[in-house]
Amino acid sequence: MREMEELTSLEMVDDFIKKHHLSFLYISRTNCSVCHALLPQVRELMVDFPLIQLGHINADDIEEIAGHFSIFTVPVLLLFADGKELWREARFVHLQPFKDKIQKLYDAYTTN
């Protein structure tokens, strides 16, 4: 299971995205049962994508994150390549289609 870097400010989030060629953000809230159930499954699935850097944001700690990324519900999963958002999924995430999408994007950005 992959660990996720805890991002605790908007500046940390922006720096994380800029610093990594491929970055993934998992945005949740403290009292979100869907968030807590999905997180370990996502962490396990991301083992197959070692070049993607993983970050976790608790929206209760960074309230402005909702406006920054136009988020209306949690959990939200965001994938970035070279600072640009490539893919977004929110609330109820079906893991196999999620993995298939990530695989296609991963292959496109990691093969020469």
PDB file of N, CA and C in Angstrom:
ATOM      1  N   MET A   1       0.850  -1.174   0.000  1.00  0.00           N
ATOM      2  CA  MET A   1       0.000   0.000   0.000  1.00  0.00           C
ATOM      3  C   MET A   1       0.896   1.237   0.000  1.00  0.00           C
ATOM      4  N   ARG A   2       0.595   2.194  -0.849  1.00  0.00           N
ATOM      5  CA  ARG A   2       1.391   3.413  -0.967  1.00  0.00           C
ATOM      6  C   ARG A   2       0.975   4.437   0.079  1.00  0.00           C
ATOM      7  N   GLU A   3       1.952   5.171   0.538  1.00  0.00           N
ATOM      8  CA  GLU A   3       1.681   6.270   1.460  1.00  0.00           C
ATOM      9  C   GLU A   3       1.371   7.529   0.659  1.00  0.00           C
ATOM     10  N   MET A   4       0.633   8.429   1.279  1.00  0.00           N
ATOM     11  CA  MET A   4       0.299   9.701   0.657  1.00  0.00           C
ATOM     12  C   MET A   4       0.877  10.821   1.500  1.00  0.00           C
ATOM     13  N   GLU A   5       1.416  11.825   0.832  1.00  0.00           N
ATOM     14  CA  GLU A   5       1.927  12.993   1.531  1.00  0.00           C
ATOM     15  C   GLU A   5       0.747  13.852   1.977  1.00  0.00           C
ATOM     16  N   GLU A   6       0.733  14.207   3.259  1.00  0.00           N
ATOM     17  CA  GLU A   6      -0.329  15.056   3.788  1.00  0.00           C
ATOM     18  C   GLU A   6      -0.027  16.506   3.411  1.00  0.00           C
ATOM     19  N   LEU A   7      -0.956  17.128   2.730  1.00  0.00           N
ATOM     20  CA  LEU A   7      -0.805  18.511   2.300  1.00  0.00           C
ATOM     21  C   LEU A   7      -1.743  19.366   3.153  1.00  0.00           C
ATOM     22  N   THR A   8      -1.169  20.337   3.861  1.00  0.00           N
ATOM     23  CA  THR A   8      -1.946  21.059   4.870  1.00  0.00           C
ATOM     24  C   THR A   8      -2.150  22.542   4.577  1.00  0.00           C
ATOM     25  N   SER A   9      -1.752  22.977   3.396  1.00  0.00           N
ATOM     26  CA  SER A   9      -2.014  24.368   3.007  1.00  0.00           C
ATOM     27  C   SER A   9      -2.164  24.430   1.493  1.00  0.00           C
ATOM     28  N   LEU A  10      -2.803  25.477   1.021  1.00  0.00           N
ATOM     29  CA  LEU A  10      -2.977  25.659  -0.408  1.00  0.00           C
ATOM     30  C   LEU A  10      -1.631  25.813  -1.107  1.00  0.00           C
ATOM     31  N   GLU A  11      -0.688  26.448  -0.445  1.00  0.00           N
ATOM     32  CA  GLU A  11       0.653  26.612  -1.003  1.00  0.00           C
ATOM     33  C   GLU A  11       1.340  25.254  -1.164  1.00  0.00           C
ATOM     34  N   MET A  12       1.189  24.390  -0.163  1.00  0.00           N
ATOM     35  CA  MET A  12       1.760  23.038  -0.257  1.00  0.00           C
ATOM     36  C   MET A  12       1.156  22.272  -1.427  1.00  0.00           C
ATOM     37  N   VAL A  13      -0.139  22.417  -1.626  1.00  0.00           N
ATOM     38  CA  VAL A  13      -0.832  21.730  -2.715  1.00  0.00           C
ATOM     39  C   VAL A  13      -0.281  22.202  -4.059  1.00  0.00           C
ATOM     40  N   ASP A  14      -0.211  23.515  -4.242  1.00  0.00           N
ATOM     41  CA  ASP A  14       0.283  24.060  -5.503  1.00  0.00           C
ATOM     42  C   ASP A  14       1.730  23.656  -5.752  1.00  0.00           C
ATOM     43  N   ASP A  15       2.563  23.693  -4.716  1.00  0.00           N
ATOM     44  CA  ASP A  15       3.967  23.286  -4.854  1.00  0.00           C
ATOM     45  C   ASP A  15       4.081  21.805  -5.201  1.00  0.00           C
ATOM     46  N   PHE A  16       3.252  20.979  -4.581  1.00  0.00           N
ATOM     47  CA  PHE A  16       3.250  19.538  -4.844  1.00  0.00           C
ATOM     48  C   PHE A  16       2.944  19.265  -6.316  1.00  0.00           C
ATOM     49  N   ILE A  17       1.935  19.931  -6.842  1.00  0.00           N
ATOM     50  CA  ILE A  17       1.534  19.735  -8.238  1.00  0.00           C
ATOM     51  C   ILE A  17       2.642  20.210  -9.179  1.00  0.00           C
ATOM     52  N   LYS A  18       3.239  21.359  -8.879  1.00  0.00           N
ATOM     53  CA  LYS A  18       4.297  21.916  -9.739  1.00  0.00           C
ATOM     54  C   LYS A  18       5.578  21.087  -9.700  1.00  0.00           C
ATOM     55  N   LYS A  19       5.868  20.518  -8.543  1.00  0.00           N
ATOM     56  CA  LYS A  19       7.132  19.809  -8.325  1.00  0.00           C
ATOM     57  C   LYS A  19       7.198  18.452  -9.020  1.00  0.00           C
ATOM     58  N   HIS A  20       6.069  17.813  -9.236  1.00  0.00           N
ATOM     59  CA  HIS A  20       6.041  16.447  -9.750  1.00  0.00           C
ATOM     60  C   HIS A  20       5.480  16.384 -11.170  1.00  0.00           C
ATOM     61  N   HIS A  21       6.143  15.592 -11.996  1.00  0.00           N
ATOM     62  CA  HIS A  21       5.681  15.377 -13.371  1.00  0.00           C
ATOM     63  C   HIS A  21       4.266  14.794 -13.372  1.00  0.00           C
ATOM     64  N   LEU A  22       4.048  13.780 -12.546  1.00  0.00           N
ATOM     65  CA  LEU A  22       2.727  13.171 -12.369  1.00  0.00           C
ATOM     66  C   LEU A  22       2.346  13.251 -10.898  1.00  0.00           C
ATOM     67  N   SER A  23       1.202  13.855 -10.615  1.00  0.00           N
ATOM     68  CA  SER A  23       0.760  13.965  -9.221  1.00  0.00           C
ATOM     69  C   SER A  23      -0.725  13.632  -9.124  1.00  0.00           C
ATOM     70  N   PHE A  24      -1.078  13.057  -7.994  1.00  0.00           N
ATOM     71  CA  PHE A  24      -2.438  12.611  -7.733  1.00  0.00           C
ATOM     72  C   PHE A  24      -2.862  13.176  -6.388  1.00  0.00           C
ATOM     73  N   LEU A  25      -4.045  13.781  -6.335  1.00  0.00           N
ATOM     74  CA  LEU A  25      -4.568  14.317  -5.082  1.00  0.00           C
ATOM     75  C   LEU A  25      -5.842  13.581  -4.704  1.00  0.00           C
ATOM     76  N   TYR A  26      -5.920  13.228  -3.425  1.00  0.00           N
ATOM     77  CA  TYR A  26      -7.122  12.630  -2.860  1.00  0.00           C
ATOM     78  C   TYR A  26      -7.641  13.629  -1.838  1.00  0.00           C
ATOM     79  N   ILE A  27      -8.816  14.193  -2.100  1.00  0.00           N
ATOM     80  CA  ILE A  27      -9.387  15.217  -1.229  1.00  0.00           C
ATOM     81  C   ILE A  27     -10.570  14.615  -0.493  1.00  0.00           C
ATOM     82  N   SER A  28     -10.531  14.723   0.829  1.00  0.00           N
ATOM     83  CA  SER A  28     -11.574  14.121   1.661  1.00  0.00           C
ATOM     84  C   SER A  28     -11.956  15.076   2.786  1.00  0.00           C
ATOM     85  N   ARG A  29     -12.873  14.637   3.615  1.00  0.00           N
ATOM     86  CA  ARG A  29     -13.264  15.360   4.836  1.00  0.00           C
ATOM     87  C   ARG A  29     -13.249  14.365   5.995  1.00  0.00           C
ATOM     88  N   THR A  30     -13.105  14.887   7.174  1.00  0.00           N
ATOM     89  CA  THR A  30     -12.981  14.072   8.377  1.00  0.00           C
ATOM     90  C   THR A  30     -14.179  13.152   8.598  1.00  0.00           C
ATOM     91  N   ASN A  31     -15.392  13.654   8.432  1.00  0.00           N
ATOM     92  CA  ASN A  31     -16.591  12.881   8.743  1.00  0.00           C
ATOM     93  C   ASN A  31     -17.246  12.254   7.516  1.00  0.00           C
ATOM     94  N   CYS A  32     -16.473  11.969   6.495  1.00  0.00           N
ATOM     95  CA  CYS A  32     -16.995  11.383   5.255  1.00  0.00           C
ATOM     96  C   CYS A  32     -16.727   9.878   5.254  1.00  0.00           C
ATOM     97  N   SER A  33     -17.763   9.086   5.402  1.00  0.00           N
ATOM     98  CA  SER A  33     -17.581   7.635   5.452  1.00  0.00           C
ATOM     99  C   SER A  33     -17.130   7.075   4.106  1.00  0.00           C
ATOM    100  N   VAL A  34     -17.621   7.633   3.015  1.00  0.00           N
ATOM    101  CA  VAL A  34     -17.186   7.180   1.687  1.00  0.00           C
ATOM    102  C   VAL A  34     -15.686   7.442   1.522  1.00  0.00           C
ATOM    103  N   CYS A  35     -15.246   8.617   1.972  1.00  0.00           N
ATOM    104  CA  CYS A  35     -13.821   8.976   1.886  1.00  0.00           C
ATOM    105  C   CYS A  35     -12.954   7.965   2.612  1.00  0.00           C
ATOM    106  N   HIS A  36     -13.354   7.613   3.817  1.00  0.00           N
ATOM    107  CA  HIS A  36     -12.554   6.699   4.633  1.00  0.00           C
ATOM    108  C   HIS A  36     -12.567   5.274   4.085  1.00  0.00           C
ATOM    109  N   ALA A  37     -13.664   4.877   3.474  1.00  0.00           N
ATOM    110  CA  ALA A  37     -13.738   3.528   2.897  1.00  0.00           C
ATOM    111  C   ALA A  37     -12.928   3.426   1.607  1.00  0.00           C
ATOM    112  N   LEU A  38     -12.923   4.482   0.814  1.00  0.00           N
ATOM    113  CA  LEU A  38     -12.259   4.457  -0.485  1.00  0.00           C
ATOM    114  C   LEU A  38     -10.743   4.652  -0.388  1.00  0.00           C
ATOM    115  N   LEU A  39     -10.283   5.427   0.563  1.00  0.00           N
ATOM    116  CA  LEU A  39      -8.863   5.784   0.639  1.00  0.00           C
ATOM    117  C   LEU A  39      -7.923   4.575   0.646  1.00  0.00           C
ATOM    118  N   PRO A  40      -8.098   3.573   1.496  1.00  0.00           N
ATOM    119  CA  PRO A  40      -7.158   2.441   1.468  1.00  0.00           C
ATOM    120  C   PRO A  40      -7.200   1.668   0.143  1.00  0.00           C
ATOM    121  N   GLN A  41      -8.352   1.618  -0.490  1.00  0.00           N
ATOM    122  CA  GLN A  41      -8.456   0.934  -1.778  1.00  0.00           C
ATOM    123  C   GLN A  41      -7.678   1.689  -2.854  1.00  0.00           C
ATOM    124  N   VAL A  42      -7.760   3.011  -2.834  1.00  0.00           N
ATOM    125  CA  VAL A  42      -7.015   3.829  -3.790  1.00  0.00           C
ATOM    126  C   VAL A  42      -5.523   3.701  -3.532  1.00  0.00           C
ATOM    127  N   ARG A  43      -5.114   3.740  -2.266  1.00  0.00           N
ATOM    128  CA  ARG A  43      -3.695   3.606  -1.930  1.00  0.00           C
ATOM    129  C   ARG A  43      -3.138   2.268  -2.411  1.00  0.00           C
ATOM    130  N   GLU A  44      -3.912   1.216  -2.284  1.00  0.00           N
ATOM    131  CA  GLU A  44      -3.482  -0.104  -2.744  1.00  0.00           C
ATOM    132  C   GLU A  44      -3.404  -0.146  -4.273  1.00  0.00           C
ATOM    133  N   LEU A  45      -4.392   0.391  -4.929  1.00  0.00           N
ATOM    134  CA  LEU A  45      -4.418   0.401  -6.384  1.00  0.00           C
ATOM    135  C   LEU A  45      -3.247   1.199  -6.966  1.00  0.00           C
ATOM    136  N   MET A  46      -2.839   2.271  -6.300  1.00  0.00           N
ATOM    137  CA  MET A  46      -1.776   3.136  -6.813  1.00  0.00           C
ATOM    138  C   MET A  46      -0.386   2.505  -6.705  1.00  0.00           C
ATOM    139  N   VAL A  47      -0.286   1.331  -6.097  1.00  0.00           N
ATOM    140  CA  VAL A  47       0.982   0.594  -6.059  1.00  0.00           C
ATOM    141  C   VAL A  47       1.456   0.309  -7.482  1.00  0.00           C
ATOM    142  N   ASP A  48       0.526   0.123  -8.393  1.00  0.00           N
ATOM    143  CA  ASP A  48       0.859  -0.190  -9.781  1.00  0.00           C
ATOM    144  C   ASP A  48       1.385   1.014 -10.573  1.00  0.00           C
ATOM    145  N   PHE A  49       1.376   2.196  -9.949  1.00  0.00           N
ATOM    146  CA  PHE A  49       1.773   3.420 -10.651  1.00  0.00           C
ATOM    147  C   PHE A  49       2.812   4.195  -9.833  1.00  0.00           C
ATOM    148  N   PRO A  50       4.010   3.632  -9.720  1.00  0.00           N
ATOM    149  CA  PRO A  50       5.016   4.210  -8.811  1.00  0.00           C
ATOM    150  C   PRO A  50       5.530   5.602  -9.201  1.00  0.00           C
ATOM    151  N   LEU A  51       5.357   6.006 -10.445  1.00  0.00           N
ATOM    152  CA  LEU A  51       5.847   7.319 -10.859  1.00  0.00           C
ATOM    153  C   LEU A  51       4.873   8.451 -10.538  1.00  0.00           C
ATOM    154  N   ILE A  52       3.675   8.095 -10.091  1.00  0.00           N
ATOM    155  CA  ILE A  52       2.696   9.110  -9.696  1.00  0.00           C
ATOM    156  C   ILE A  52       2.893   9.409  -8.216  1.00  0.00           C
ATOM    157  N   GLN A  53       3.124  10.673  -7.897  1.00  0.00           N
ATOM    158  CA  GLN A  53       3.285  11.101  -6.506  1.00  0.00           C
ATOM    159  C   GLN A  53       1.900  11.319  -5.909  1.00  0.00           C
ATOM    160  N   LEU A  54       1.701  10.839  -4.691  1.00  0.00           N
ATOM    161  CA  LEU A  54       0.382  10.861  -4.063  1.00  0.00           C
ATOM    162  C   LEU A  54       0.295  11.896  -2.947  1.00  0.00           C
ATOM    163  N   GLY A  55      -0.761  12.681  -2.995  1.00  0.00           N
ATOM    164  CA  GLY A  55      -1.002  13.662  -1.944  1.00  0.00           C
ATOM    165  C   GLY A  55      -2.411  13.536  -1.406  1.00  0.00           C
ATOM    166  N   HIS A  56      -2.559  13.809  -0.118  1.00  0.00           N
ATOM    167  CA  HIS A  56      -3.865  13.751   0.534  1.00  0.00           C
ATOM    168  C   HIS A  56      -4.176  15.105   1.149  1.00  0.00           C
ATOM    169  N   ILE A  57      -5.407  15.560   0.959  1.00  0.00           N
ATOM    170  CA  ILE A  57      -5.854  16.839   1.501  1.00  0.00           C
ATOM    171  C   ILE A  57      -7.128  16.606   2.292  1.00  0.00           C
ATOM    172  N   ASN A  58      -7.132  17.091   3.525  1.00  0.00           N
ATOM    173  CA  ASN A  58      -8.362  17.102   4.312  1.00  0.00           C
ATOM    174  C   ASN A  58      -8.995  18.470   4.087  1.00  0.00           C
ATOM    175  N   ALA A  59     -10.137  18.492   3.401  1.00  0.00           N
ATOM    176  CA  ALA A  59     -10.802  19.750   3.069  1.00  0.00           C
ATOM    177  C   ALA A  59     -11.273  20.499   4.313  1.00  0.00           C
ATOM    178  N   ASP A  60     -11.369  19.812   5.450  1.00  0.00           N
ATOM    179  CA  ASP A  60     -11.710  20.504   6.695  1.00  0.00           C
ATOM    180  C   ASP A  60     -10.550  21.387   7.152  1.00  0.00           C
ATOM    181  N   ASP A  61      -9.319  21.009   6.800  1.00  0.00           N
ATOM    182  CA  ASP A  61      -8.133  21.773   7.186  1.00  0.00           C
ATOM    183  C   ASP A  61      -7.815  22.892   6.199  1.00  0.00           C
ATOM    184  N   ILE A  62      -8.181  22.708   4.940  1.00  0.00           N
ATOM    185  CA  ILE A  62      -7.923  23.707   3.897  1.00  0.00           C
ATOM    186  C   ILE A  62      -9.262  24.020   3.235  1.00  0.00           C
ATOM    187  N   GLU A  63     -10.054  24.849   3.880  1.00  0.00           N
ATOM    188  CA  GLU A  63     -11.408  25.115   3.388  1.00  0.00           C
ATOM    189  C   GLU A  63     -11.417  25.750   2.001  1.00  0.00           C
ATOM    190  N   GLU A  64     -10.382  26.531   1.669  1.00  0.00           N
ATOM    191  CA  GLU A  64     -10.350  27.197   0.369  1.00  0.00           C
ATOM    192  C   GLU A  64     -10.066  26.239  -0.789  1.00  0.00           C
ATOM    193  N   ILE A  65      -9.778  24.980  -0.478  1.00  0.00           N
ATOM    194  CA  ILE A  65      -9.498  23.993  -1.530  1.00  0.00           C
ATOM    195  C   ILE A  65     -10.719  23.794  -2.424  1.00  0.00           C
ATOM    196  N   ALA A  66     -11.905  23.912  -1.865  1.00  0.00           N
ATOM    197  CA  ALA A  66     -13.135  23.725  -2.646  1.00  0.00           C
ATOM    198  C   ALA A  66     -13.221  24.742  -3.775  1.00  0.00           C
ATOM    199  N   GLY A  67     -12.956  25.986  -3.477  1.00  0.00           N
ATOM    200  CA  GLY A  67     -12.987  27.015  -4.508  1.00  0.00           C
ATOM    201  C   GLY A  67     -11.815  26.906  -5.463  1.00  0.00           C
ATOM    202  N   HIS A  68     -10.667  26.518  -4.944  1.00  0.00           N
ATOM    203  CA  HIS A  68      -9.450  26.412  -5.745  1.00  0.00           C
ATOM    204  C   HIS A  68      -9.598  25.397  -6.873  1.00  0.00           C
ATOM    205  N   PHE A  69     -10.281  24.275  -6.591  1.00  0.00           N
ATOM    206  CA  PHE A  69     -10.456  23.219  -7.586  1.00  0.00           C
ATOM    207  C   PHE A  69     -11.912  23.025  -8.015  1.00  0.00           C
ATOM    208  N   SER A  70     -12.800  23.938  -7.640  1.00  0.00           N
ATOM    209  CA  SER A  70     -14.235  23.822  -7.974  1.00  0.00           C
ATOM    210  C   SER A  70     -14.796  22.479  -7.542  1.00  0.00           C
ATOM    211  N   ILE A  71     -14.672  22.203  -6.259  1.00  0.00           N
ATOM    212  CA  ILE A  71     -15.113  20.936  -5.672  1.00  0.00           C
ATOM    213  C   ILE A  71     -16.428  21.153  -4.933  1.00  0.00           C
ATOM    214  N   PHE A  72     -17.389  20.275  -5.198  1.00  0.00           N
ATOM    215  CA  PHE A  72     -18.696  20.398  -4.571  1.00  0.00           C
ATOM    216  C   PHE A  72     -19.036  19.229  -3.667  1.00  0.00           C
ATOM    217  N   THR A  73     -18.243  18.173  -3.698  1.00  0.00           N
ATOM    218  CA  THR A  73     -18.474  16.997  -2.874  1.00  0.00           C
ATOM    219  C   THR A  73     -17.133  16.312  -2.630  1.00  0.00           C
ATOM    220  N   VAL A  74     -17.102  15.384  -1.722  1.00  0.00           N
ATOM    221  CA  VAL A  74     -15.901  14.585  -1.471  1.00  0.00           C
ATOM    222  C   VAL A  74     -16.306  13.118  -1.421  1.00  0.00           C
ATOM    223  N   PRO A  75     -15.396  12.202  -1.651  1.00  0.00           N
ATOM    224  CA  PRO A  75     -14.010  12.423  -2.023  1.00  0.00           C
ATOM    225  C   PRO A  75     -13.880  12.883  -3.469  1.00  0.00           C
ATOM    226  N   VAL A  76     -12.756  13.560  -3.731  1.00  0.00           N
ATOM    227  CA  VAL A  76     -12.404  13.969  -5.087  1.00  0.00           C
ATOM    228  C   VAL A  76     -11.015  13.421  -5.368  1.00  0.00           C
ATOM    229  N   LEU A  77     -10.854  12.837  -6.550  1.00  0.00           N
ATOM    230  CA  LEU A  77      -9.574  12.292  -6.987  1.00  0.00           C
ATOM    231  C   LEU A  77      -9.149  13.075  -8.216  1.00  0.00           C
ATOM    232  N   LEU A  78      -7.959  13.653  -8.169  1.00  0.00           N
ATOM    233  CA  LEU A  78      -7.457  14.483  -9.257  1.00  0.00           C
ATOM    234  C   LEU A  78      -6.094  13.982  -9.697  1.00  0.00           C
ATOM    235  N   LEU A  79      -5.896  13.877 -10.994  1.00  0.00           N
ATOM    236  CA  LEU A  79      -4.597  13.494 -11.541  1.00  0.00           C
ATOM    237  C   LEU A  79      -4.067  14.635 -12.389  1.00  0.00           C
ATOM    238  N   PHE A  80      -2.800  14.997 -12.159  1.00  0.00           N
ATOM    239  CA  PHE A  80      -2.148  16.088 -12.872  1.00  0.00           C
ATOM    240  C   PHE A  80      -0.907  15.572 -13.581  1.00  0.00           C
ATOM    241  N   ALA A  81      -0.622  16.150 -14.741  1.00  0.00           N
ATOM    242  CA  ALA A  81       0.634  15.907 -15.443  1.00  0.00           C
ATOM    243  C   ALA A  81       1.209  17.271 -15.797  1.00  0.00           C
ATOM    244  N   ASP A  82       2.424  17.503 -15.373  1.00  0.00           N
ATOM    245  CA  ASP A  82       3.090  18.782 -15.618  1.00  0.00           C
ATOM    246  C   ASP A  82       2.222  19.971 -15.224  1.00  0.00           C
ATOM    247  N   GLY A  83       1.541  19.840 -14.089  1.00  0.00           N
ATOM    248  CA  GLY A  83       0.748  20.933 -13.537  1.00  0.00           C
ATOM    249  C   GLY A  83      -0.638  21.100 -14.107  1.00  0.00           C
ATOM    250  N   LYS A  84      -1.025  20.266 -15.057  1.00  0.00           N
ATOM    251  CA  LYS A  84      -2.340  20.384 -15.680  1.00  0.00           C
ATOM    252  C   LYS A  84      -3.226  19.225 -15.252  1.00  0.00           C
ATOM    253  N   GLU A  85      -4.456  19.555 -14.900  1.00  0.00           N
ATOM    254  CA  GLU A  85      -5.400  18.514 -14.513  1.00  0.00           C
ATOM    255  C   GLU A  85      -5.784  17.687 -15.737  1.00  0.00           C
ATOM    256  N   LEU A  86      -5.573  16.369 -15.621  1.00  0.00           N
ATOM    257  CA  LEU A  86      -5.907  15.456 -16.714  1.00  0.00           C
ATOM    258  C   LEU A  86      -7.197  14.693 -16.471  1.00  0.00           C
ATOM    259  N   TRP A  87      -7.478  14.447 -15.208  1.00  0.00           N
ATOM    260  CA  TRP A  87      -8.590  13.560 -14.899  1.00  0.00           C
ATOM    261  C   TRP A  87      -9.131  13.883 -13.516  1.00  0.00           C
ATOM    262  N   ARG A  88     -10.447  13.738 -13.366  1.00  0.00           N
ATOM    263  CA  ARG A  88     -11.120  14.017 -12.100  1.00  0.00           C
ATOM    264  C   ARG A  88     -12.245  13.014 -11.911  1.00  0.00           C
ATOM    265  N   GLU A  89     -12.383  12.573 -10.681  1.00  0.00           N
ATOM    266  CA  GLU A  89     -13.475  11.675 -10.304  1.00  0.00           C
ATOM    267  C   GLU A  89     -13.945  12.131  -8.926  1.00  0.00           C
ATOM    268  N   ALA A  90     -15.242  12.031  -8.665  1.00  0.00           N
ATOM    269  CA  ALA A  90     -15.760  12.480  -7.375  1.00  0.00           C
ATOM    270  C   ALA A  90     -16.847  11.549  -6.848  1.00  0.00           C
ATOM    271  N   ARG A  91     -16.985  11.578  -5.550  1.00  0.00           N
ATOM    272  CA  ARG A  91     -17.981  10.878  -4.747  1.00  0.00           C
ATOM    273  C   ARG A  91     -17.895   9.359  -4.861  1.00  0.00           C
ATOM    274  N   PHE A  92     -18.633   8.754  -5.760  1.00  0.00           N
ATOM    275  CA  PHE A  92     -18.633   7.299  -5.868  1.00  0.00           C
ATOM    276  C   PHE A  92     -17.715   6.888  -7.020  1.00  0.00           C
ATOM    277  N   VAL A  93     -16.638   6.207  -6.677  1.00  0.00           N
ATOM    278  CA  VAL A  93     -15.623   5.839  -7.661  1.00  0.00           C
ATOM    279  C   VAL A  93     -15.628   4.326  -7.831  1.00  0.00           C
ATOM    280  N   HIS A  94     -15.803   3.886  -9.050  1.00  0.00           N
ATOM    281  CA  HIS A  94     -15.736   2.459  -9.356  1.00  0.00           C
ATOM    282  C   HIS A  94     -14.283   2.139  -9.667  1.00  0.00           C
ATOM    283  N   LEU A  95     -13.700   1.232  -8.910  1.00  0.00           N
ATOM    284  CA  LEU A  95     -12.256   1.036  -8.941  1.00  0.00           C
ATOM    285  C   LEU A  95     -11.696   0.505 -10.255  1.00  0.00           C
ATOM    286  N   GLN A  96     -12.363  -0.423 -10.916  1.00  0.00           N
ATOM    287  CA  GLN A  96     -11.786  -0.941 -12.159  1.00  0.00           C
ATOM    288  C   GLN A  96     -11.763   0.111 -13.265  1.00  0.00           C
ATOM    289  N   PRO A  97     -12.858   0.837 -13.507  1.00  0.00           N
ATOM    290  CA  PRO A  97     -12.776   1.916 -14.501  1.00  0.00           C
ATOM    291  C   PRO A  97     -11.758   2.989 -14.102  1.00  0.00           C
ATOM    292  N   PHE A  98     -11.657   3.276 -12.808  1.00  0.00           N
ATOM    293  CA  PHE A  98     -10.651   4.227 -12.309  1.00  0.00           C
ATOM    294  C   PHE A  98      -9.250   3.737 -12.673  1.00  0.00           C
ATOM    295  N   LYS A  99      -8.971   2.473 -12.396  1.00  0.00           N
ATOM    296  CA  LYS A  99      -7.648   1.922 -12.694  1.00  0.00           C
ATOM    297  C   LYS A  99      -7.372   1.930 -14.196  1.00  0.00           C
ATOM    298  N   ASP A 100      -8.370   1.604 -14.998  1.00  0.00           N
ATOM    299  CA  ASP A 100      -8.196   1.603 -16.447  1.00  0.00           C
ATOM    300  C   ASP A 100      -7.849   2.999 -16.968  1.00  0.00           C
ATOM    301  N   LYS A 101      -8.531   4.019 -16.462  1.00  0.00           N
ATOM    302  CA  LYS A 101      -8.257   5.399 -16.884  1.00  0.00           C
ATOM    303  C   LYS A 101      -6.856   5.824 -16.471  1.00  0.00           C
ATOM    304  N   ILE A 102      -6.495   5.525 -15.230  1.00  0.00           N
ATOM    305  CA  ILE A 102      -5.162   5.887 -14.743  1.00  0.00           C
ATOM    306  C   ILE A 102      -4.098   5.165 -15.566  1.00  0.00           C
ATOM    307  N   GLN A 103      -4.331   3.897 -15.892  1.00  0.00           N
ATOM    308  CA  GLN A 103      -3.363   3.133 -16.678  1.00  0.00           C
ATOM    309  C   GLN A 103      -3.123   3.782 -18.044  1.00  0.00           C
ATOM    310  N   LYS A 104      -4.186   4.189 -18.721  1.00  0.00           N
ATOM    311  CA  LYS A 104      -4.048   4.822 -20.034  1.00  0.00           C
ATOM    312  C   LYS A 104      -3.245   6.116 -19.934  1.00  0.00           C
ATOM    313  N   LEU A 105      -3.573   6.944 -18.958  1.00  0.00           N
ATOM    314  CA  LEU A 105      -2.852   8.206 -18.788  1.00  0.00           C
ATOM    315  C   LEU A 105      -1.409   7.962 -18.372  1.00  0.00           C
ATOM    316  N   TYR A 106      -1.217   7.014 -17.489  1.00  0.00           N
ATOM    317  CA  TYR A 106       0.135   6.661 -17.018  1.00  0.00           C
ATOM    318  C   TYR A 106       1.005   6.197 -18.177  1.00  0.00           C
ATOM    319  N   ASP A 107       0.458   5.315 -18.999  1.00  0.00           N
ATOM    320  CA  ASP A 107       1.199   4.810 -20.153  1.00  0.00           C
ATOM    321  C   ASP A 107       1.536   5.942 -21.116  1.00  0.00           C
ATOM    322  N   ALA A 108       0.605   6.843 -21.337  1.00  0.00           N
ATOM    323  CA  ALA A 108       0.837   7.948 -22.263  1.00  0.00           C
ATOM    324  C   ALA A 108       1.926   8.894 -21.769  1.00  0.00           C
ATOM    325  N   TYR A 109       2.033   9.062 -20.473  1.00  0.00           N
ATOM    326  CA  TYR A 109       3.001  10.016 -19.927  1.00  0.00           C
ATOM    327  C   TYR A 109       4.321   9.385 -19.463  1.00  0.00           C
ATOM    328  N   THR A 110       4.411   8.069 -19.480  1.00  0.00           N
ATOM    329  CA  THR A 110       5.650   7.441 -19.000  1.00  0.00           C
ATOM    330  C   THR A 110       6.380   6.653 -20.078  1.00  0.00           C
ATOM    331  N   THR A 111       5.785   6.501 -21.264  1.00  0.00           N
ATOM    332  CA  THR A 111       6.470   5.797 -22.339  1.00  0.00           C
ATOM    333  C   THR A 111       6.991   6.814 -23.340  1.00  0.00           C
ATOM    334  N   ASN A 112       8.092   6.494 -23.946  1.00  0.00           N
ATOM    335  CA  ASN A 112       8.680   7.441 -24.915  1.00  0.00           C
ATOM    336  C   ASN A 112       8.278   7.117 -26.324  1.00  0.00           C
TER     337      ASN A 112
END
